[in-house]
Full PDB file with SEQRES, HELIX, SHEET, SSBOND, CRYST1, ORIGX, SCALE, CONECT and MASTER records, all heavy atoms in Angstrom:
SEQRES   1 A   31  ALA ALA THR GLY ILE VAL THR ALA VAL PRO LEU ILE CYS          
SEQRES   2 A   31  PHE GLY ALA ALA ALA VAL ARG VAL PRO LEU SER THR LEU          
SEQRES   3 A   31  GLY LEU LEU GLN TYR                                          
HELIX    1 AA1 THR A    3  ALA A   18  1                                  16    
HELIX    2 AA2 LEU A   23  LEU A   29  1                                   7    
CRYST1    1.000    1.000    1.000  90.00  90.00  90.00 P 1           1          
ORIGX1      1.000000  0.000000  0.000000        0.00000                         
ORIGX2      0.000000  1.000000  0.000000        0.00000                         
ORIGX3      0.000000  0.000000  1.000000        0.00000                         
SCALE1      1.000000  0.000000  0.000000        0.00000                         
SCALE2      0.000000  1.000000  0.000000        0.00000                         
SCALE3      0.000000  0.000000  1.000000        0.00000                         
ATOM      1  N   ALA A   1       0.791  -1.242   0.007  1.00  0.00           N  
ATOM      2  CA  ALA A   1      -0.001   0.043  -0.034  1.00  0.00           C  
ATOM      3  C   ALA A   1       0.864   1.250   0.034  1.00  0.00           C  
ATOM      4  O   ALA A   1       0.452   2.268  -0.546  1.00  0.00           O  
ATOM      5  CB  ALA A   1      -0.931   0.003   1.204  1.00  0.00           C  
ATOM      6  N   ALA A   2       2.081   1.153   0.586  1.00  0.00           N  
ATOM      7  CA  ALA A   2       2.981   2.306   0.661  1.00  0.00           C  
ATOM      8  C   ALA A   2       3.597   2.685  -0.669  1.00  0.00           C  
ATOM      9  O   ALA A   2       4.115   3.772  -0.884  1.00  0.00           O  
ATOM     10  CB  ALA A   2       4.103   2.021   1.562  1.00  0.00           C  
ATOM     11  N   THR A   3       3.315   1.848  -1.707  1.00  0.00           N  
ATOM     12  CA  THR A   3       3.818   2.186  -3.093  1.00  0.00           C  
ATOM     13  C   THR A   3       3.152   3.504  -3.552  1.00  0.00           C  
ATOM     14  O   THR A   3       3.721   4.254  -4.351  1.00  0.00           O  
ATOM     15  CB  THR A   3       3.509   1.049  -4.097  1.00  0.00           C  
ATOM     16  OG1 THR A   3       2.095   0.740  -4.082  1.00  0.00           O  
ATOM     17  CG2 THR A   3       4.324  -0.153  -3.794  1.00  0.00           C  
ATOM     18  N   GLY A   4       1.859   3.789  -3.048  1.00  0.00           N  
ATOM     19  CA  GLY A   4       1.320   5.029  -3.429  1.00  0.00           C  
ATOM     20  C   GLY A   4       2.008   6.225  -2.775  1.00  0.00           C  
ATOM     21  O   GLY A   4       2.196   7.248  -3.474  1.00  0.00           O  
ATOM     22  N   ILE A   5       2.463   6.098  -1.577  1.00  0.00           N  
ATOM     23  CA  ILE A   5       3.174   7.167  -0.915  1.00  0.00           C  
ATOM     24  C   ILE A   5       4.540   7.377  -1.609  1.00  0.00           C  
ATOM     25  O   ILE A   5       5.022   8.525  -1.852  1.00  0.00           O  
ATOM     26  CB  ILE A   5       3.427   6.878   0.581  1.00  0.00           C  
ATOM     27  CG1 ILE A   5       1.985   6.738   1.212  1.00  0.00           C  
ATOM     28  CG2 ILE A   5       4.288   7.901   1.205  1.00  0.00           C  
ATOM     29  CD1 ILE A   5       2.082   6.352   2.733  1.00  0.00           C  
ATOM     30  N   VAL A   6       5.226   6.276  -1.900  1.00  0.00           N  
ATOM     31  CA  VAL A   6       6.591   6.337  -2.501  1.00  0.00           C  
ATOM     32  C   VAL A   6       6.495   6.969  -3.904  1.00  0.00           C  
ATOM     33  O   VAL A   6       7.455   7.683  -4.324  1.00  0.00           O  
ATOM     34  CB  VAL A   6       7.130   4.905  -2.749  1.00  0.00           C  
ATOM     35  CG1 VAL A   6       8.366   4.861  -3.534  1.00  0.00           C  
ATOM     36  CG2 VAL A   6       7.501   4.300  -1.361  1.00  0.00           C  
ATOM     37  N   THR A   7       5.372   6.807  -4.574  1.00  0.00           N  
ATOM     38  CA  THR A   7       5.154   7.496  -5.860  1.00  0.00           C  
ATOM     39  C   THR A   7       4.826   8.856  -5.756  1.00  0.00           C  
ATOM     40  O   THR A   7       5.333   9.786  -6.516  1.00  0.00           O  
ATOM     41  CB  THR A   7       3.998   6.738  -6.673  1.00  0.00           C  
ATOM     42  OG1 THR A   7       4.365   5.390  -6.849  1.00  0.00           O  
ATOM     43  CG2 THR A   7       3.763   7.347  -8.041  1.00  0.00           C  
ATOM     44  N   ALA A   8       3.956   9.265  -4.822  1.00  0.00           N  
ATOM     45  CA  ALA A   8       3.358  10.623  -4.853  1.00  0.00           C  
ATOM     46  C   ALA A   8       4.178  11.663  -4.082  1.00  0.00           C  
ATOM     47  O   ALA A   8       4.283  12.805  -4.487  1.00  0.00           O  
ATOM     48  CB  ALA A   8       1.979  10.540  -4.285  1.00  0.00           C  
ATOM     49  N   VAL A   9       4.859  11.243  -2.944  1.00  0.00           N  
ATOM     50  CA  VAL A   9       5.538  12.243  -2.147  1.00  0.00           C  
ATOM     51  C   VAL A   9       6.716  12.921  -2.939  1.00  0.00           C  
ATOM     52  O   VAL A   9       6.837  14.204  -2.946  1.00  0.00           O  
ATOM     53  CB  VAL A   9       6.141  11.589  -0.906  1.00  0.00           C  
ATOM     54  CG1 VAL A   9       7.038  12.507  -0.159  1.00  0.00           C  
ATOM     55  CG2 VAL A   9       4.909  11.226   0.075  1.00  0.00           C  
ATOM     56  N   PRO A  10       7.586  12.147  -3.670  1.00  0.00           N  
ATOM     57  CA  PRO A  10       8.554  12.919  -4.479  1.00  0.00           C  
ATOM     58  C   PRO A  10       7.959  13.824  -5.465  1.00  0.00           C  
ATOM     59  O   PRO A  10       8.468  14.921  -5.741  1.00  0.00           O  
ATOM     60  CB  PRO A  10       9.346  11.740  -5.167  1.00  0.00           C  
ATOM     61  CG  PRO A  10       9.054  10.564  -4.305  1.00  0.00           C  
ATOM     62  CD  PRO A  10       7.700  10.737  -3.767  1.00  0.00           C  
ATOM     63  N   LEU A  11       6.871  13.419  -6.103  1.00  0.00           N  
ATOM     64  CA  LEU A  11       6.226  14.256  -7.125  1.00  0.00           C  
ATOM     65  C   LEU A  11       5.679  15.566  -6.486  1.00  0.00           C  
ATOM     66  O   LEU A  11       5.800  16.660  -7.032  1.00  0.00           O  
ATOM     67  CB  LEU A  11       5.046  13.580  -7.776  1.00  0.00           C  
ATOM     68  CG  LEU A  11       4.440  14.275  -8.865  1.00  0.00           C  
ATOM     69  CD1 LEU A  11       5.300  14.461 -10.107  1.00  0.00           C  
ATOM     70  CD2 LEU A  11       3.106  13.487  -9.309  1.00  0.00           C  
ATOM     71  N   ILE A  12       5.152  15.533  -5.219  1.00  0.00           N  
ATOM     72  CA  ILE A  12       4.637  16.652  -4.526  1.00  0.00           C  
ATOM     73  C   ILE A  12       5.859  17.651  -4.230  1.00  0.00           C  
ATOM     74  O   ILE A  12       5.746  18.845  -4.403  1.00  0.00           O  
ATOM     75  CB  ILE A  12       3.913  16.286  -3.252  1.00  0.00           C  
ATOM     76  CG1 ILE A  12       2.637  15.570  -3.654  1.00  0.00           C  
ATOM     77  CG2 ILE A  12       3.627  17.510  -2.398  1.00  0.00           C  
ATOM     78  CD1 ILE A  12       1.926  14.977  -2.409  1.00  0.00           C  
ATOM     79  N   CYS A  13       6.959  17.033  -3.849  1.00  0.00           N  
ATOM     80  CA  CYS A  13       8.151  17.807  -3.503  1.00  0.00           C  
ATOM     81  C   CYS A  13       8.639  18.493  -4.800  1.00  0.00           C  
ATOM     82  O   CYS A  13       9.096  19.658  -4.851  1.00  0.00           O  
ATOM     83  CB  CYS A  13       9.300  16.981  -2.929  1.00  0.00           C  
ATOM     84  SG  CYS A  13       8.930  16.467  -1.277  1.00  0.00           S  
ATOM     85  N   PHE A  14       8.673  17.755  -5.879  1.00  0.00           N  
ATOM     86  CA  PHE A  14       9.080  18.307  -7.224  1.00  0.00           C  
ATOM     87  C   PHE A  14       8.196  19.450  -7.585  1.00  0.00           C  
ATOM     88  O   PHE A  14       8.700  20.513  -8.115  1.00  0.00           O  
ATOM     89  CB  PHE A  14       9.080  17.283  -8.273  1.00  0.00           C  
ATOM     90  CG  PHE A  14       9.410  17.710  -9.616  1.00  0.00           C  
ATOM     91  CD1 PHE A  14      10.676  17.950 -10.068  1.00  0.00           C  
ATOM     92  CD2 PHE A  14       8.314  18.094 -10.561  1.00  0.00           C  
ATOM     93  CE1 PHE A  14      10.986  18.410 -11.293  1.00  0.00           C  
ATOM     94  CE2 PHE A  14       8.634  18.580 -11.812  1.00  0.00           C  
ATOM     95  CZ  PHE A  14       9.967  18.695 -12.201  1.00  0.00           C  
ATOM     96  N   GLY A  15       6.937  19.271  -7.456  1.00  0.00           N  
ATOM     97  CA  GLY A  15       5.895  20.414  -7.709  1.00  0.00           C  
ATOM     98  C   GLY A  15       6.178  21.643  -6.918  1.00  0.00           C  
ATOM     99  O   GLY A  15       6.149  22.766  -7.412  1.00  0.00           O  
ATOM    100  N   ALA A  16       6.611  21.446  -5.598  1.00  0.00           N  
ATOM    101  CA  ALA A  16       6.847  22.620  -4.772  1.00  0.00           C  
ATOM    102  C   ALA A  16       8.117  23.252  -5.201  1.00  0.00           C  
ATOM    103  O   ALA A  16       8.308  24.532  -5.167  1.00  0.00           O  
ATOM    104  CB  ALA A  16       7.014  22.100  -3.295  1.00  0.00           C  
ATOM    105  N   ALA A  17       9.136  22.483  -5.683  1.00  0.00           N  
ATOM    106  CA  ALA A  17      10.404  23.063  -6.128  1.00  0.00           C  
ATOM    107  C   ALA A  17      10.149  23.806  -7.499  1.00  0.00           C  
ATOM    108  O   ALA A  17      10.786  24.847  -7.720  1.00  0.00           O  
ATOM    109  CB  ALA A  17      11.464  21.960  -6.369  1.00  0.00           C  
ATOM    110  N   ALA A  18       9.328  23.220  -8.339  1.00  0.00           N  
ATOM    111  CA  ALA A  18       9.214  23.844  -9.717  1.00  0.00           C  
ATOM    112  C   ALA A  18       8.714  25.312  -9.659  1.00  0.00           C  
ATOM    113  O   ALA A  18       9.019  26.065 -10.557  1.00  0.00           O  
ATOM    114  CB  ALA A  18       8.275  22.965 -10.494  1.00  0.00           C  
ATOM    115  N   VAL A  19       7.929  25.646  -8.676  1.00  0.00           N  
ATOM    116  CA  VAL A  19       7.380  26.980  -8.624  1.00  0.00           C  
ATOM    117  C   VAL A  19       8.249  27.926  -7.796  1.00  0.00           C  
ATOM    118  O   VAL A  19       8.056  29.149  -7.766  1.00  0.00           O  
ATOM    119  CB  VAL A  19       5.998  26.993  -8.003  1.00  0.00           C  
ATOM    120  CG1 VAL A  19       4.977  26.201  -8.805  1.00  0.00           C  
ATOM    121  CG2 VAL A  19       6.031  26.444  -6.609  1.00  0.00           C  
ATOM    122  N   ARG A  20       9.446  27.425  -7.296  1.00  0.00           N  
ATOM    123  CA  ARG A  20      10.281  28.256  -6.488  1.00  0.00           C  
ATOM    124  C   ARG A  20      11.674  28.521  -7.090  1.00  0.00           C  
ATOM    125  O   ARG A  20      12.328  29.405  -6.745  1.00  0.00           O  
ATOM    126  CB  ARG A  20      10.445  27.630  -5.109  1.00  0.00           C  
ATOM    127  CG  ARG A  20       9.145  27.744  -4.248  1.00  0.00           C  
ATOM    128  CD  ARG A  20       9.329  27.006  -2.982  1.00  0.00           C  
ATOM    129  NE  ARG A  20       8.213  27.255  -2.035  1.00  0.00           N  
ATOM    130  CZ  ARG A  20       7.051  26.578  -1.982  1.00  0.00           C  
ATOM    131  NH1 ARG A  20       6.922  25.564  -2.901  1.00  0.00           N  
ATOM    132  NH2 ARG A  20       6.095  26.883  -1.215  1.00  0.00           N  
ATOM    133  N   VAL A  21      12.162  27.570  -7.934  1.00  0.00           N  
ATOM    134  CA  VAL A  21      13.503  27.684  -8.430  1.00  0.00           C  
ATOM    135  C   VAL A  21      13.452  27.676 -10.003  1.00  0.00           C  
ATOM    136  O   VAL A  21      12.476  27.151 -10.587  1.00  0.00           O  
ATOM    137  CB  VAL A  21      14.396  26.538  -7.950  1.00  0.00           C  
ATOM    138  CG1 VAL A  21      14.532  26.560  -6.453  1.00  0.00           C  
ATOM    139  CG2 VAL A  21      13.905  25.174  -8.379  1.00  0.00           C  
ATOM    140  N   PRO A  22      14.487  28.206 -10.633  1.00  0.00           N  
ATOM    141  CA  PRO A  22      14.482  28.204 -12.135  1.00  0.00           C  
ATOM    142  C   PRO A  22      14.574  26.745 -12.697  1.00  0.00           C  
ATOM    143  O   PRO A  22      15.044  25.843 -12.058  1.00  0.00           O  
ATOM    144  CB  PRO A  22      15.814  28.938 -12.409  1.00  0.00           C  
ATOM    145  CG  PRO A  22      16.127  29.739 -11.199  1.00  0.00           C  
ATOM    146  CD  PRO A  22      15.596  28.928 -10.063  1.00  0.00           C  
ATOM    147  N   LEU A  23      14.014  26.641 -13.878  1.00  0.00           N  
ATOM    148  CA  LEU A  23      14.078  25.355 -14.549  1.00  0.00           C  
ATOM    149  C   LEU A  23      15.442  24.839 -14.822  1.00  0.00           C  
ATOM    150  O   LEU A  23      15.712  23.663 -14.815  1.00  0.00           O  
ATOM    151  CB  LEU A  23      13.193  25.484 -15.871  1.00  0.00           C  
ATOM    152  CG  LEU A  23      11.683  25.464 -15.804  1.00  0.00           C  
ATOM    153  CD1 LEU A  23      11.102  25.668 -17.111  1.00  0.00           C  
ATOM    154  CD2 LEU A  23      11.131  24.252 -15.104  1.00  0.00           C  
ATOM    155  N   SER A  24      16.347  25.844 -14.990  1.00  0.00           N  
ATOM    156  CA  SER A  24      17.758  25.393 -15.265  1.00  0.00           C  
ATOM    157  C   SER A  24      18.294  24.678 -13.994  1.00  0.00           C  
ATOM    158  O   SER A  24      19.110  23.798 -14.129  1.00  0.00           O  
ATOM    159  CB  SER A  24      18.612  26.595 -15.577  1.00  0.00           C  
ATOM    160  OG  SER A  24      18.519  27.600 -14.553  1.00  0.00           O  
ATOM    161  N   THR A  25      17.938  25.126 -12.807  1.00  0.00           N  
ATOM    162  CA  THR A  25      18.350  24.484 -11.592  1.00  0.00           C  
ATOM    163  C   THR A  25      17.799  23.098 -11.484  1.00  0.00           C  
ATOM    164  O   THR A  25      18.517  22.160 -11.189  1.00  0.00           O  
ATOM    165  CB  THR A  25      17.945  25.286 -10.359  1.00  0.00           C  
ATOM    166  OG1 THR A  25      18.549  26.629 -10.434  1.00  0.00           O  
ATOM    167  CG2 THR A  25      18.393  24.666  -9.094  1.00  0.00           C  
ATOM    168  N   LEU A  26      16.517  22.968 -11.879  1.00  0.00           N  
ATOM    169  CA  LEU A  26      15.921  21.627 -11.764  1.00  0.00           C  
ATOM    170  C   LEU A  26      16.603  20.673 -12.846  1.00  0.00           C  
ATOM    171  O   LEU A  26      16.716  19.535 -12.637  1.00  0.00           O  
ATOM    172  CB  LEU A  26      14.378  21.715 -12.108  1.00  0.00           C  
ATOM    173  CG  LEU A  26      13.490  22.307 -11.056  1.00  0.00           C  
ATOM    174  CD1 LEU A  26      12.066  22.358 -11.473  1.00  0.00           C  
ATOM    175  CD2 LEU A  26      13.622  21.454  -9.749  1.00  0.00           C  
ATOM    176  N   GLY A  27      16.961  21.277 -13.973  1.00  0.00           N  
ATOM    177  CA  GLY A  27      17.691  20.509 -15.017  1.00  0.00           C  
ATOM    178  C   GLY A  27      18.979  19.951 -14.499  1.00  0.00           C  
ATOM    179  O   GLY A  27      19.282  18.818 -14.882  1.00  0.00           O  
ATOM    180  N   LEU A  28      19.626  20.726 -13.649  1.00  0.00           N  
ATOM    181  CA  LEU A  28      20.893  20.101 -13.066  1.00  0.00           C  
ATOM    182  C   LEU A  28      20.596  19.203 -12.008  1.00  0.00           C  
ATOM    183  O   LEU A  28      21.342  18.104 -11.808  1.00  0.00           O  
ATOM    184  CB  LEU A  28      21.735  21.302 -12.507  1.00  0.00           C  
ATOM    185  CG  LEU A  28      22.238  22.341 -13.547  1.00  0.00           C  
ATOM    186  CD1 LEU A  28      22.958  23.471 -12.915  1.00  0.00           C  
ATOM    187  CD2 LEU A  28      23.240  21.538 -14.567  1.00  0.00           C  
ATOM    188  N   LEU A  29      19.549  19.363 -11.173  1.00  0.00           N  
ATOM    189  CA  LEU A  29      19.235  18.454 -10.134  1.00  0.00           C  
ATOM    190  C   LEU A  29      18.832  17.089 -10.538  1.00  0.00           C  
ATOM    191  O   LEU A  29      18.954  16.155  -9.868  1.00  0.00           O  
ATOM    192  CB  LEU A  29      18.132  19.072  -9.224  1.00  0.00           C  
ATOM    193  CG  LEU A  29      18.489  20.306  -8.329  1.00  0.00           C  
ATOM    194  CD1 LEU A  29      17.303  20.764  -7.586  1.00  0.00           C  
ATOM    195  CD2 LEU A  29      19.602  19.907  -7.353  1.00  0.00           C  
ATOM    196  N   GLN A  30      18.266  16.994 -11.839  1.00  0.00           N  
ATOM    197  CA  GLN A  30      17.751  15.811 -12.338  1.00  0.00           C  
ATOM    198  C   GLN A  30      18.849  14.642 -12.374  1.00  0.00           C  
ATOM    199  O   GLN A  30      18.511  13.490 -12.268  1.00  0.00           O  
ATOM    200  CB  GLN A  30      17.163  15.903 -13.738  1.00  0.00           C  
ATOM    201  CG  GLN A  30      18.212  16.103 -14.816  1.00  0.00           C  
ATOM    202  CD  GLN A  30      17.608  16.160 -16.194  1.00  0.00           C  
ATOM    203  OE1 GLN A  30      16.691  15.407 -16.482  1.00  0.00           O  
ATOM    204  NE2 GLN A  30      18.111  17.073 -17.003  1.00  0.00           N  
ATOM    205  N   TYR A  31      20.103  15.092 -12.388  1.00  0.00           N  
ATOM    206  CA  TYR A  31      21.151  14.025 -12.428  1.00  0.00           C  
ATOM    207  C   TYR A  31      21.346  13.413 -11.095  1.00  0.00           C  
ATOM    208  O   TYR A  31      22.101  12.414 -11.057  1.00  0.00           O  
ATOM    209  CB  TYR A  31      22.447  14.646 -12.992  1.00  0.00           C  
ATOM    210  CG  TYR A  31      22.326  15.239 -14.396  1.00  0.00           C  
ATOM    211  CD1 TYR A  31      22.681  16.496 -14.713  1.00  0.00           C  
ATOM    212  CD2 TYR A  31      21.892  14.341 -15.404  1.00  0.00           C  
ATOM    213  CE1 TYR A  31      22.607  16.943 -16.004  1.00  0.00           C  
ATOM    214  CE2 TYR A  31      21.787  14.861 -16.764  1.00  0.00           C  
ATOM    215  CZ  TYR A  31      22.067  16.125 -17.006  1.00  0.00           C  
ATOM    216  OH  TYR A  31      22.056  16.549 -18.232  1.00  0.00           O  
TER     217      TYR A  31                                                      
MASTER        0    0    0    2    0    0    0    6  216    1    0    3          
END                                                                             
């Protein structure tokens, strides 16, 4: 059942980051 949490929590954090930092920074963090 925790697979839902493992899937959604990083996505929520990513969404919070996307509205606060430049896309170029996210592009570097992806590695």
